């Protein structure tokens, strides 16, 4: 069953990825009905479940604890950045990401403290999405994922690749002694904490983004697409990307 699940997601993402050139990137009207329906579903789930969970997480923790959690999840992405810097031909940044991971995992107590930045080794995150962009893979049409929200075929493919290369996934794999329920309980439990933590960081941002919007779906879509332009294709960014009015790259919001 687990292998069928992996194969299904891989096949679905590869189908979307290689079908992307069939669509003009500025023409995603064919998905408009689906996107709006899924946006409504996601907004409802967020209103009744996800946002209250994020507010509850904020209520029972303090800034110190939340920063430790954010640092932990940032550190867990360093091996992914290490691999993708190599795939993008940047060996120097790959070494920095690996060094950050080793330093913060040991001296920084599993990354809860960012010791490496204090030593002058700054974060330079990257991922499979950016690697595919560097390899000239087109982004494809905008579409909404259940619960995860705005995406594209390239972004979704990168997200699936990241899920199965994430250190937390492999930590659960090697510590579960082959028992799937232990592995998936560990992985999804940690992932749920990361999801809630990310939502907590962006409570005000998302509220402000849609507060005075007549059409929240169009606002979210525009913000996401403008942010995608910053990535570009074949290592070249869109000429207008610096003029984007929104920043939807949540993972980089605390990197400055």
C-alpha atoms as a PDB file:
ATOM      1  CA  UNK A   1       0.000   0.000   0.000  1.00  0.00           C
ATOM      2  CA  UNK A   2       2.776   2.447   0.902  1.00  0.00           C
ATOM      3  CA  UNK A   3       4.548   1.819  -2.414  1.00  0.00           C
ATOM      4  CA  UNK A   4       1.314   2.315  -4.345  1.00  0.00           C
ATOM      5  CA  UNK A   5       0.801   5.622  -2.526  1.00  0.00           C
ATOM      6  CA  UNK A   6       4.289   6.824  -3.438  1.00  0.00           C
ATOM      7  CA  UNK A   7       3.920   5.712  -7.035  1.00  0.00           C
ATOM      8  CA  UNK A   8       0.560   7.466  -7.317  1.00  0.00           C
ATOM      9  CA  UNK A   9       1.935  10.800  -6.114  1.00  0.00           C
ATOM     10  CA  UNK A  10       5.060  10.517  -8.223  1.00  0.00           C
ATOM     11  CA  UNK A  11       3.041   9.663 -11.336  1.00  0.00           C
ATOM     12  CA  UNK A  12       0.563  12.472 -10.677  1.00  0.00           C
ATOM     13  CA  UNK A  13       3.286  15.063 -10.227  1.00  0.00           C
ATOM     14  CA  UNK A  14       5.286  13.926 -13.231  1.00  0.00           C
ATOM     15  CA  UNK A  15       2.127  14.020 -15.347  1.00  0.00           C
ATOM     16  CA  UNK A  16       1.419  17.570 -14.229  1.00  0.00           C
ATOM     17  CA  UNK A  17       5.038  18.564 -14.697  1.00  0.00           C
ATOM     18  CA  UNK A  18       5.414  17.300 -18.240  1.00  0.00           C
ATOM     19  CA  UNK A  19       1.951  18.509 -19.191  1.00  0.00           C
ATOM     20  CA  UNK A  20       2.857  22.025 -18.099  1.00  0.00           C
ATOM     21  CA  UNK A  21       4.241  23.122 -21.511  1.00  0.00           C
ATOM     22  CA  UNK A  22       0.819  22.391 -23.033  1.00  0.00           C
ATOM     23  CA  UNK A  23      -0.542  25.404 -21.198  1.00  0.00           C
ATOM     24  CA  UNK A  24       0.404  29.022 -21.645  1.00  0.00           C
ATOM     25  CA  UNK A  25       1.659  30.054 -18.217  1.00  0.00           C
ATOM     26  CA  UNK A  26      -0.514  33.148 -18.251  1.00  0.00           C
ATOM     27  CA  UNK A  27      -3.617  31.146 -19.235  1.00  0.00           C
ATOM     28  CA  UNK A  28      -4.899  28.975 -16.403  1.00  0.00           C
ATOM     29  CA  UNK A  29      -8.584  29.721 -16.939  1.00  0.00           C
ATOM     30  CA  UNK A  30      -9.194  26.028 -17.686  1.00  0.00           C
ATOM     31  CA  UNK A  31      -8.657  25.369 -13.967  1.00  0.00           C
ATOM     32  CA  UNK A  32     -10.636  28.360 -12.699  1.00  0.00           C
ATOM     33  CA  UNK A  33     -13.700  26.422 -11.509  1.00  0.00           C
ATOM     34  CA  UNK A  34     -11.639  23.788  -9.725  1.00  0.00           C
ATOM     35  CA  UNK A  35      -9.317  26.386  -8.194  1.00  0.00           C
ATOM     36  CA  UNK A  36     -12.157  28.463  -6.779  1.00  0.00           C
ATOM     37  CA  UNK A  37     -13.887  25.402  -5.347  1.00  0.00           C
ATOM     38  CA  UNK A  38     -10.670  24.187  -3.732  1.00  0.00           C
ATOM     39  CA  UNK A  39      -9.915  27.696  -2.462  1.00  0.00           C
ATOM     40  CA  UNK A  40     -13.315  27.750  -0.727  1.00  0.00           C
ATOM     41  CA  UNK A  41     -12.626  24.331   0.796  1.00  0.00           C
ATOM     42  CA  UNK A  42      -9.190  25.421   2.017  1.00  0.00           C
ATOM     43  CA  UNK A  43     -10.540  28.699   3.412  1.00  0.00           C
ATOM     44  CA  UNK A  44     -13.211  26.801   5.343  1.00  0.00           C
ATOM     45  CA  UNK A  45     -10.674  24.308   6.722  1.00  0.00           C
ATOM     46  CA  UNK A  46      -8.383  27.160   7.681  1.00  0.00           C
ATOM     47  CA  UNK A  47     -11.162  29.121   9.386  1.00  0.00           C
ATOM     48  CA  UNK A  48     -12.446  26.225  11.488  1.00  0.00           C
ATOM     49  CA  UNK A  49      -9.321  24.083  12.049  1.00  0.00           C
ATOM     50  CA  UNK A  50      -5.932  25.350  10.909  1.00  0.00           C
ATOM     51  CA  UNK A  51      -6.044  28.983  12.019  1.00  0.00           C
ATOM     52  CA  UNK A  52      -7.550  28.119  15.448  1.00  0.00           C
ATOM     53  CA  UNK A  53      -4.795  25.527  15.882  1.00  0.00           C
ATOM     54  CA  UNK A  54      -2.190  28.165  15.003  1.00  0.00           C
ATOM     55  CA  UNK A  55      -3.720  30.631  17.462  1.00  0.00           C
ATOM     56  CA  UNK A  56      -3.820  27.932  20.124  1.00  0.00           C
ATOM     57  CA  UNK A  57      -0.170  27.125  19.473  1.00  0.00           C
ATOM     58  CA  UNK A  58       0.667  30.814  19.880  1.00  0.00           C
ATOM     59  CA  UNK A  59      -1.369  31.016  23.092  1.00  0.00           C
ATOM     60  CA  UNK A  60       0.365  28.109  24.833  1.00  0.00           C
ATOM     61  CA  UNK A  61       3.914  29.024  23.774  1.00  0.00           C
ATOM     62  CA  UNK A  62       6.139  32.073  23.991  1.00  0.00           C
ATOM     63  CA  UNK A  63       8.461  33.743  21.487  1.00  0.00           C
ATOM     64  CA  UNK A  64      11.469  31.784  22.728  1.00  0.00           C
ATOM     65  CA  UNK A  65       9.831  28.393  22.203  1.00  0.00           C
ATOM     66  CA  UNK A  66       8.391  29.336  18.823  1.00  0.00           C
ATOM     67  CA  UNK A  67      11.799  30.509  17.642  1.00  0.00           C
ATOM     68  CA  UNK A  68      13.338  27.191  18.709  1.00  0.00           C
ATOM     69  CA  UNK A  69      10.700  25.339  16.697  1.00  0.00           C
ATOM     70  CA  UNK A  70      11.257  27.551  13.632  1.00  0.00           C
ATOM     71  CA  UNK A  71      15.006  27.052  13.868  1.00  0.00           C
ATOM     72  CA  UNK A  72      14.571  23.283  14.106  1.00  0.00           C
ATOM     73  CA  UNK A  73      12.533  23.112  10.915  1.00  0.00           C
ATOM     74  CA  UNK A  74      14.863  25.512   9.106  1.00  0.00           C
ATOM     75  CA  UNK A  75      17.771  23.276  10.057  1.00  0.00           C
ATOM     76  CA  UNK A  76      15.986  20.179   8.776  1.00  0.00           C
ATOM     77  CA  UNK A  77      15.888  21.806   5.333  1.00  0.00           C
ATOM     78  CA  UNK A  78      19.641  22.294   5.163  1.00  0.00           C
ATOM     79  CA  UNK A  79      20.356  18.793   3.758  1.00  0.00           C
ATOM     80  CA  UNK A  80      17.759  19.445   1.055  1.00  0.00           C
ATOM     81  CA  UNK A  81      19.505  22.727   0.251  1.00  0.00           C
ATOM     82  CA  UNK A  82      22.833  20.882   0.243  1.00  0.00           C
ATOM     83  CA  UNK A  83      21.664  18.443  -2.419  1.00  0.00           C
ATOM     84  CA  UNK A  84      19.940  21.063  -4.533  1.00  0.00           C
ATOM     85  CA  UNK A  85      22.880  23.469  -4.521  1.00  0.00           C
ATOM     86  CA  UNK A  86      24.914  20.624  -6.036  1.00  0.00           C
ATOM     87  CA  UNK A  87      22.209  19.923  -8.613  1.00  0.00           C
ATOM     88  CA  UNK A  88      22.284  23.624  -9.485  1.00  0.00           C
ATOM     89  CA  UNK A  89      26.064  23.527  -9.898  1.00  0.00           C
ATOM     90  CA  UNK A  90      26.868  25.554  -6.785  1.00  0.00           C
ATOM     91  CA  UNK A  91      29.326  23.474  -4.764  1.00  0.00           C
ATOM     92  CA  UNK A  92      30.334  26.360  -2.491  1.00  0.00           C
ATOM     93  CA  UNK A  93      26.812  27.019  -1.217  1.00  0.00           C
ATOM     94  CA  UNK A  94      26.282  23.265  -0.907  1.00  0.00           C
ATOM     95  CA  UNK A  95      29.232  23.083   1.464  1.00  0.00           C
ATOM     96  CA  UNK A  96      27.894  26.011   3.477  1.00  0.00           C
ATOM     97  CA  UNK A  97      24.473  24.379   3.832  1.00  0.00           C
ATOM     98  CA  UNK A  98      26.068  21.097   4.913  1.00  0.00           C
ATOM     99  CA  UNK A  99      28.286  22.952   7.371  1.00  0.00           C
ATOM    100  CA  UNK A 100      25.285  24.785   8.799  1.00  0.00           C
ATOM    101  CA  UNK A 101      23.453  21.499   9.278  1.00  0.00           C
ATOM    102  CA  UNK A 102      26.366  19.802  11.045  1.00  0.00           C
ATOM    103  CA  UNK A 103      27.090  22.788  13.301  1.00  0.00           C
ATOM    104  CA  UNK A 104      23.489  23.519  14.234  1.00  0.00           C
ATOM    105  CA  UNK A 105      22.492  19.884  14.683  1.00  0.00           C
ATOM    106  CA  UNK A 106      25.356  19.288  17.145  1.00  0.00           C
ATOM    107  CA  UNK A 107      26.240  22.553  18.872  1.00  0.00           C
ATOM    108  CA  UNK A 108      22.802  24.046  18.216  1.00  0.00           C
ATOM    109  CA  UNK A 109      20.872  21.209  19.865  1.00  0.00           C
ATOM    110  CA  UNK A 110      19.223  19.707  16.757  1.00  0.00           C
ATOM    111  CA  UNK A 111      19.102  23.121  15.146  1.00  0.00           C
ATOM    112  CA  UNK A 112      16.972  24.790  17.778  1.00  0.00           C
ATOM    113  CA  UNK A 113      19.745  27.384  18.053  1.00  0.00           C
ATOM    114  CA  UNK A 114      21.274  28.918  14.936  1.00  0.00           C
ATOM    115  CA  UNK A 115      24.942  28.758  15.956  1.00  0.00           C
ATOM    116  CA  UNK A 116      26.165  28.787  12.351  1.00  0.00           C
ATOM    117  CA  UNK A 117      24.719  32.225  11.610  1.00  0.00           C
ATOM    118  CA  UNK A 118      26.513  33.570  14.660  1.00  0.00           C
ATOM    119  CA  UNK A 119      29.719  32.235  13.122  1.00  0.00           C
ATOM    120  CA  UNK A 120      29.029  34.088   9.879  1.00  0.00           C
ATOM    121  CA  UNK A 121      27.673  31.121   7.894  1.00  0.00           C
ATOM    122  CA  UNK A 122      24.409  32.587   6.637  1.00  0.00           C
ATOM    123  CA  UNK A 123      21.367  30.717   5.400  1.00  0.00           C
ATOM    124  CA  UNK A 124      21.005  30.340   1.651  1.00  0.00           C
ATOM    125  CA  UNK A 125      18.026  27.987   1.264  1.00  0.00           C
ATOM    126  CA  UNK A 126      17.052  26.357  -1.992  1.00  0.00           C
ATOM    127  CA  UNK A 127      14.889  23.407  -3.006  1.00  0.00           C
ATOM    128  CA  UNK A 128      13.856  21.039  -5.771  1.00  0.00           C
ATOM    129  CA  UNK A 129      11.493  23.624  -7.236  1.00  0.00           C
ATOM    130  CA  UNK A 130      14.382  26.018  -7.829  1.00  0.00           C
ATOM    131  CA  UNK A 131      16.495  23.183  -9.188  1.00  0.00           C
ATOM    132  CA  UNK A 132      13.823  22.316 -11.744  1.00  0.00           C
ATOM    133  CA  UNK A 133      13.627  26.011 -12.646  1.00  0.00           C
ATOM    134  CA  UNK A 134      17.400  26.114 -13.127  1.00  0.00           C
ATOM    135  CA  UNK A 135      17.045  23.090 -15.421  1.00  0.00           C
ATOM    136  CA  UNK A 136      14.600  25.095 -17.560  1.00  0.00           C
ATOM    137  CA  UNK A 137      11.487  23.184 -16.482  1.00  0.00           C
ATOM    138  CA  UNK A 138       8.460  25.486 -17.000  1.00  0.00           C
ATOM    139  CA  UNK A 139       6.277  26.352 -14.052  1.00  0.00           C
ATOM    140  CA  UNK A 140       2.951  25.428 -15.625  1.00  0.00           C
ATOM    141  CA  UNK A 141      -0.547  26.617 -14.713  1.00  0.00           C
ATOM    142  CA  UNK A 142      -1.582  27.862 -11.306  1.00  0.00           C
ATOM    143  CA  UNK A 143      -3.747  25.475  -9.301  1.00  0.00           C
ATOM    144  CA  UNK A 144      -4.881  24.974  -5.719  1.00  0.00           C
ATOM    145  CA  UNK A 145      -3.809  21.967  -3.687  1.00  0.00           C
ATOM    146  CA  UNK A 146      -6.053  20.624  -0.903  1.00  0.00           C
ATOM    147  CA  UNK A 147      -4.966  22.228   2.391  1.00  0.00           C
ATOM    148  CA  UNK A 148      -1.525  23.233   1.029  1.00  0.00           C
ATOM    149  CA  UNK A 149      -3.020  25.993  -1.111  1.00  0.00           C
ATOM    150  CA  UNK A 150      -1.474  27.721  -4.152  1.00  0.00           C
ATOM    151  CA  UNK A 151       0.853  25.675  -6.334  1.00  0.00           C
ATOM    152  CA  UNK A 152       1.995  24.832  -9.855  1.00  0.00           C
ATOM    153  CA  UNK A 153       3.038  21.502 -11.422  1.00  0.00           C
ATOM    154  CA  UNK A 154       6.707  22.333 -10.848  1.00  0.00           C
ATOM    155  CA  UNK A 155       6.141  23.469  -7.267  1.00  0.00           C
ATOM    156  CA  UNK A 156       4.050  20.376  -6.466  1.00  0.00           C
ATOM    157  CA  UNK A 157       6.684  18.059  -7.927  1.00  0.00           C
ATOM    158  CA  UNK A 158       9.351  19.758  -5.840  1.00  0.00           C
ATOM    159  CA  UNK A 159       7.187  19.483  -2.732  1.00  0.00           C
ATOM    160  CA  UNK A 160       6.728  15.720  -3.172  1.00  0.00           C
ATOM    161  CA  UNK A 161      10.461  15.242  -3.781  1.00  0.00           C
ATOM    162  CA  UNK A 162      11.203  17.224  -0.625  1.00  0.00           C
ATOM    163  CA  UNK A 163       8.744  15.162   1.426  1.00  0.00           C
ATOM    164  CA  UNK A 164      10.563  11.925   0.603  1.00  0.00           C
ATOM    165  CA  UNK A 165      14.060  13.357   1.092  1.00  0.00           C
ATOM    166  CA  UNK A 166      13.335  15.248   4.303  1.00  0.00           C
ATOM    167  CA  UNK A 167      15.584  14.245   7.248  1.00  0.00           C
ATOM    168  CA  UNK A 168      12.534  13.787   9.482  1.00  0.00           C
ATOM    169  CA  UNK A 169      11.148  11.194   7.057  1.00  0.00           C
ATOM    170  CA  UNK A 170      14.372   9.207   7.102  1.00  0.00           C
ATOM    171  CA  UNK A 171      14.766   9.589  10.863  1.00  0.00           C
ATOM    172  CA  UNK A 172      11.365   7.973  11.241  1.00  0.00           C
ATOM    173  CA  UNK A 173      12.296   5.289   8.706  1.00  0.00           C
ATOM    174  CA  UNK A 174      15.443   4.157  10.515  1.00  0.00           C
ATOM    175  CA  UNK A 175      13.982   4.451  14.009  1.00  0.00           C
ATOM    176  CA  UNK A 176      10.754   2.544  13.329  1.00  0.00           C
ATOM    177  CA  UNK A 177      12.374  -0.864  12.820  1.00  0.00           C
ATOM    178  CA  UNK A 178      10.331  -1.404   9.681  1.00  0.00           C
ATOM    179  CA  UNK A 179       6.955  -0.759  11.300  1.00  0.00           C
ATOM    180  CA  UNK A 180       5.006   1.597   9.056  1.00  0.00           C
ATOM    181  CA  UNK A 181       2.644   2.928  11.705  1.00  0.00           C
ATOM    182  CA  UNK A 182       5.568   4.118  13.827  1.00  0.00           C
ATOM    183  CA  UNK A 183       7.293   5.674  10.842  1.00  0.00           C
ATOM    184  CA  UNK A 184       4.271   7.557   9.589  1.00  0.00           C
ATOM    185  CA  UNK A 185       3.122   8.584  13.069  1.00  0.00           C
ATOM    186  CA  UNK A 186       6.518  10.137  13.703  1.00  0.00           C
ATOM    187  CA  UNK A 187       6.766  11.812  10.297  1.00  0.00           C
ATOM    188  CA  UNK A 188       3.238  13.183  10.143  1.00  0.00           C
ATOM    189  CA  UNK A 189       3.320  14.265  13.789  1.00  0.00           C
ATOM    190  CA  UNK A 190       6.480  16.339  13.256  1.00  0.00           C
ATOM    191  CA  UNK A 191       5.159  17.612   9.915  1.00  0.00           C
ATOM    192  CA  UNK A 192       1.902  18.736  11.542  1.00  0.00           C
ATOM    193  CA  UNK A 193       3.881  20.761  14.081  1.00  0.00           C
ATOM    194  CA  UNK A 194       5.820  22.395  11.248  1.00  0.00           C
ATOM    195  CA  UNK A 195       2.591  23.162   9.394  1.00  0.00           C
ATOM    196  CA  UNK A 196       1.001  24.788  12.448  1.00  0.00           C
ATOM    197  CA  UNK A 197       4.200  26.708  13.185  1.00  0.00           C
ATOM    198  CA  UNK A 198       4.292  28.077   9.643  1.00  0.00           C
ATOM    199  CA  UNK A 199       0.631  29.089   9.823  1.00  0.00           C
ATOM    200  CA  UNK A 200       1.233  30.828  13.152  1.00  0.00           C
ATOM    201  CA  UNK A 201       4.046  32.880  11.626  1.00  0.00           C
ATOM    202  CA  UNK A 202       1.710  34.141   8.913  1.00  0.00           C
ATOM    203  CA  UNK A 203      -1.535  34.839  10.777  1.00  0.00           C
ATOM    204  CA  UNK A 204      -1.288  38.609  10.409  1.00  0.00           C
ATOM    205  CA  UNK A 205       0.229  38.454   6.930  1.00  0.00           C
ATOM    206  CA  UNK A 206      -2.638  36.429   5.455  1.00  0.00           C
ATOM    207  CA  UNK A 207      -5.245  38.425   7.362  1.00  0.00           C
ATOM    208  CA  UNK A 208      -3.853  41.690   5.990  1.00  0.00           C
ATOM    209  CA  UNK A 209      -3.516  40.280   2.490  1.00  0.00           C
ATOM    210  CA  UNK A 210      -7.196  39.468   2.164  1.00  0.00           C
ATOM    211  CA  UNK A 211      -8.735  41.918   4.666  1.00  0.00           C
ATOM    212  CA  UNK A 212     -10.003  44.476   2.148  1.00  0.00           C
ATOM    213  CA  UNK A 213     -10.115  42.216  -0.893  1.00  0.00           C
ATOM    214  CA  UNK A 214     -13.334  41.945  -2.872  1.00  0.00           C
ATOM    215  CA  UNK A 215     -12.100  38.657  -4.358  1.00  0.00           C
ATOM    216  CA  UNK A 216      -9.692  36.887  -1.935  1.00  0.00           C
ATOM    217  CA  UNK A 217      -9.027  34.095  -4.437  1.00  0.00           C
ATOM    218  CA  UNK A 218      -7.755  36.535  -7.066  1.00  0.00           C
ATOM    219  CA  UNK A 219      -5.648  38.325  -4.457  1.00  0.00           C
ATOM    220  CA  UNK A 220      -3.993  35.094  -3.311  1.00  0.00           C
ATOM    221  CA  UNK A 221      -3.486  33.965  -6.897  1.00  0.00           C
ATOM    222  CA  UNK A 222      -1.884  37.264  -7.924  1.00  0.00           C
ATOM    223  CA  UNK A 223       0.402  37.280  -4.889  1.00  0.00           C
ATOM    224  CA  UNK A 224       1.532  33.726  -5.515  1.00  0.00           C
ATOM    225  CA  UNK A 225       2.179  34.193  -9.231  1.00  0.00           C
ATOM    226  CA  UNK A 226       4.161  37.381  -8.616  1.00  0.00           C
ATOM    227  CA  UNK A 227       6.306  35.540  -6.110  1.00  0.00           C
ATOM    228  CA  UNK A 228       6.900  32.702  -8.588  1.00  0.00           C
ATOM    229  CA  UNK A 229       8.382  35.241 -10.995  1.00  0.00           C
ATOM    230  CA  UNK A 230      11.244  35.750  -8.563  1.00  0.00           C
ATOM    231  CA  UNK A 231      12.406  32.194  -9.211  1.00  0.00           C
ATOM    232  CA  UNK A 232      12.474  32.484 -13.009  1.00  0.00           C
ATOM    233  CA  UNK A 233      13.534  29.725 -15.395  1.00  0.00           C
ATOM    234  CA  UNK A 234      16.995  28.656 -16.610  1.00  0.00           C
ATOM    235  CA  UNK A 235      18.585  30.796 -13.902  1.00  0.00           C
ATOM    236  CA  UNK A 236      17.039  33.993 -15.282  1.00  0.00           C
ATOM    237  CA  UNK A 237      14.432  35.905 -13.302  1.00  0.00           C
ATOM    238  CA  UNK A 238      11.485  37.683 -14.833  1.00  0.00           C
ATOM    239  CA  UNK A 239      12.360  41.287 -15.691  1.00  0.00           C
ATOM    240  CA  UNK A 240       9.381  42.550 -13.665  1.00  0.00           C
ATOM    241  CA  UNK A 241       9.854  40.245 -10.684  1.00  0.00           C
ATOM    242  CA  UNK A 242      11.480  42.930  -8.544  1.00  0.00           C
ATOM    243  CA  UNK A 243       8.302  44.974  -8.806  1.00  0.00           C
ATOM    244  CA  UNK A 244       6.114  42.295  -7.251  1.00  0.00           C
ATOM    245  CA  UNK A 245       3.793  43.750  -4.672  1.00  0.00           C
ATOM    246  CA  UNK A 246       3.531  40.708  -2.433  1.00  0.00           C
ATOM    247  CA  UNK A 247       5.876  38.188  -0.870  1.00  0.00           C
ATOM    248  CA  UNK A 248       4.378  34.726  -0.668  1.00  0.00           C
ATOM    249  CA  UNK A 249       7.621  32.905   0.065  1.00  0.00           C
ATOM    250  CA  UNK A 250       6.799  32.104   3.678  1.00  0.00           C
ATOM    251  CA  UNK A 251       9.928  30.048   4.255  1.00  0.00           C
ATOM    252  CA  UNK A 252      12.179  33.019   3.540  1.00  0.00           C
ATOM    253  CA  UNK A 253      10.298  35.579   5.592  1.00  0.00           C
ATOM    254  CA  UNK A 254      12.582  35.181   8.598  1.00  0.00           C
ATOM    255  CA  UNK A 255      15.805  34.861   6.669  1.00  0.00           C
ATOM    256  CA  UNK A 256      16.589  38.528   6.426  1.00  0.00           C
END
